[in-house]
Amino acid sequence: MTSPAPDAGVYISPAQTLAEVRRIADGQIRMEGKLDRILDDRAEDRETLGDHEQRIRGLEVRVWMAVGAAVVLGTGGGALAQVIAR
């Protein structure tokens, strides 16, 4: 193998190419790790969000049941007060 002429342009040796490929591969491995952590965090957030939605819906049901009970008791109390007042 002959060495390139000095005015032939840029020469990148196989060792330099290998070093660059390894550097890029290491960066990709770190990036994959970060993405895995982000996806795991998002999955946990979705589970937490689903739990919050379920709890809020349960509270809404209880609130409307309490409102309904208050209406019934208020109406019954008013009718009872009319009977007693006569």
C-alpha atoms as a PDB file:
ATOM      1  CA  MET A   1       0.000   0.000   0.000  1.00  0.00           C
ATOM      2  CA  THR A   2       1.424   3.351  -0.940  1.00  0.00           C
ATOM      3  CA  SER A   3       0.945   6.438   1.134  1.00  0.00           C
ATOM      4  CA  PRO A   4      -1.085   9.228  -0.437  1.00  0.00           C
ATOM      5  CA  ALA A   5       0.602  12.186  -2.036  1.00  0.00           C
ATOM      6  CA  PRO A   6       0.875  15.268   0.197  1.00  0.00           C
ATOM      7  CA  ASP A   7      -1.428  17.324  -2.028  1.00  0.00           C
ATOM      8  CA  ALA A   8      -4.063  14.569  -2.420  1.00  0.00           C
ATOM      9  CA  GLY A   9      -6.396  16.001   0.224  1.00  0.00           C
ATOM     10  CA  VAL A  10      -7.426  14.686   3.625  1.00  0.00           C
ATOM     11  CA  TYR A  11      -6.490  11.174   4.626  1.00  0.00           C
ATOM     12  CA  ILE A  12      -8.388   9.474   7.455  1.00  0.00           C
ATOM     13  CA  SER A  13      -6.700   6.356   8.700  1.00  0.00           C
ATOM     14  CA  PRO A  14      -8.658   3.211   9.595  1.00  0.00           C
ATOM     15  CA  ALA A  15      -7.666   3.732  13.236  1.00  0.00           C
ATOM     16  CA  GLN A  16      -9.188   7.224  13.185  1.00  0.00           C
ATOM     17  CA  THR A  17     -12.333   5.871  11.545  1.00  0.00           C
ATOM     18  CA  LEU A  18     -12.629   3.120  14.166  1.00  0.00           C
ATOM     19  CA  ALA A  19     -12.144   5.615  17.003  1.00  0.00           C
ATOM     20  CA  GLU A  20     -14.886   7.849  15.599  1.00  0.00           C
ATOM     21  CA  VAL A  21     -17.277   4.917  15.148  1.00  0.00           C
ATOM     22  CA  ARG A  22     -16.653   3.855  18.757  1.00  0.00           C
ATOM     23  CA  ARG A  23     -17.253   7.418  19.993  1.00  0.00           C
ATOM     24  CA  ILE A  24     -20.544   7.586  18.108  1.00  0.00           C
ATOM     25  CA  ALA A  25     -21.569   4.136  19.381  1.00  0.00           C
ATOM     26  CA  ASP A  26     -20.857   5.178  22.986  1.00  0.00           C
ATOM     27  CA  GLY A  27     -22.986   8.290  22.504  1.00  0.00           C
ATOM     28  CA  GLN A  28     -25.790   6.187  21.077  1.00  0.00           C
ATOM     29  CA  ILE A  29     -25.652   3.813  24.049  1.00  0.00           C
ATOM     30  CA  ARG A  30     -25.914   6.760  26.456  1.00  0.00           C
ATOM     31  CA  MET A  31     -28.801   8.188  24.430  1.00  0.00           C
ATOM     32  CA  GLU A  32     -30.659   4.864  24.487  1.00  0.00           C
ATOM     33  CA  GLY A  33     -30.264   4.737  28.270  1.00  0.00           C
ATOM     34  CA  LYS A  34     -31.689   8.226  28.639  1.00  0.00           C
ATOM     35  CA  LEU A  35     -34.615   7.413  26.349  1.00  0.00           C
ATOM     36  CA  ASP A  36     -35.361   4.244  28.311  1.00  0.00           C
ATOM     37  CA  ARG A  37     -35.470   6.258  31.555  1.00  0.00           C
ATOM     38  CA  ILE A  38     -37.754   8.861  29.953  1.00  0.00           C
ATOM     39  CA  LEU A  39     -40.115   6.176  28.657  1.00  0.00           C
ATOM     40  CA  ASP A  40     -40.175   4.463  32.062  1.00  0.00           C
ATOM     41  CA  ASP A  41     -41.003   7.791  33.736  1.00  0.00           C
ATOM     42  CA  ARG A  42     -43.796   8.401  31.228  1.00  0.00           C
ATOM     43  CA  ALA A  43     -45.253   4.950  31.874  1.00  0.00           C
ATOM     44  CA  GLU A  44     -45.270   5.687  35.608  1.00  0.00           C
ATOM     45  CA  ASP A  45     -46.908   9.063  34.930  1.00  0.00           C
ATOM     46  CA  ARG A  46     -49.647   7.366  32.904  1.00  0.00           C
ATOM     47  CA  GLU A  47     -50.312   4.913  35.729  1.00  0.00           C
ATOM     48  CA  THR A  48     -50.455   7.757  38.232  1.00  0.00           C
ATOM     49  CA  LEU A  49     -52.729   9.763  35.931  1.00  0.00           C
ATOM     50  CA  GLY A  50     -55.079   6.799  35.546  1.00  0.00           C
ATOM     51  CA  ASP A  51     -55.174   6.390  39.328  1.00  0.00           C
ATOM     52  CA  HIS A  52     -55.920  10.104  39.792  1.00  0.00           C
ATOM     53  CA  GLU A  53     -58.722   9.984  37.218  1.00  0.00           C
ATOM     54  CA  GLN A  54     -60.306   7.025  38.975  1.00  0.00           C
ATOM     55  CA  ARG A  55     -60.105   8.744  42.356  1.00  0.00           C
ATOM     56  CA  ILE A  56     -61.541  12.015  40.989  1.00  0.00           C
ATOM     57  CA  ARG A  57     -64.431  10.190  39.329  1.00  0.00           C
ATOM     58  CA  GLY A  58     -65.172   8.451  42.623  1.00  0.00           C
ATOM     59  CA  LEU A  59     -65.202  11.791  44.419  1.00  0.00           C
ATOM     60  CA  GLU A  60     -67.513  13.280  41.795  1.00  0.00           C
ATOM     61  CA  VAL A  61     -69.969  10.409  42.290  1.00  0.00           C
ATOM     62  CA  ARG A  62     -69.934  10.965  46.057  1.00  0.00           C
ATOM     63  CA  VAL A  63     -70.454  14.715  45.677  1.00  0.00           C
ATOM     64  CA  TRP A  64     -73.468  14.267  43.402  1.00  0.00           C
ATOM     65  CA  MET A  65     -74.900  11.619  45.721  1.00  0.00           C
ATOM     66  CA  ALA A  66     -74.536  14.066  48.619  1.00  0.00           C
ATOM     67  CA  VAL A  67     -76.240  16.800  46.562  1.00  0.00           C
ATOM     68  CA  GLY A  68     -79.093  14.441  45.755  1.00  0.00           C
ATOM     69  CA  ALA A  69     -79.424  13.430  49.401  1.00  0.00           C
ATOM     70  CA  ALA A  70     -79.459  17.106  50.449  1.00  0.00           C
ATOM     71  CA  VAL A  71     -82.265  17.826  47.967  1.00  0.00           C
ATOM     72  CA  VAL A  72     -84.318  14.890  49.205  1.00  0.00           C
ATOM     73  CA  LEU A  73     -83.742  15.761  52.848  1.00  0.00           C
ATOM     74  CA  GLY A  74     -84.461  19.450  52.238  1.00  0.00           C
ATOM     75  CA  THR A  75     -87.707  18.669  50.447  1.00  0.00           C
ATOM     76  CA  GLY A  76     -88.723  16.156  53.118  1.00  0.00           C
ATOM     77  CA  GLY A  77     -87.790  18.583  55.883  1.00  0.00           C
ATOM     78  CA  GLY A  78     -89.852  21.342  54.258  1.00  0.00           C
ATOM     79  CA  ALA A  79     -92.857  19.041  53.931  1.00  0.00           C
ATOM     80  CA  LEU A  80     -92.463  17.924  57.548  1.00  0.00           C
ATOM     81  CA  ALA A  81     -92.236  21.544  58.697  1.00  0.00           C
ATOM     82  CA  GLN A  82     -95.518  22.321  56.888  1.00  0.00           C
ATOM     83  CA  VAL A  83     -97.229  19.367  58.566  1.00  0.00           C
ATOM     84  CA  ILE A  84     -95.964  20.416  61.984  1.00  0.00           C
ATOM     85  CA  ALA A  85     -96.890  24.073  61.423  1.00  0.00           C
ATOM     86  CA  ARG A  86    -100.550  23.250  60.760  1.00  0.00           C
END
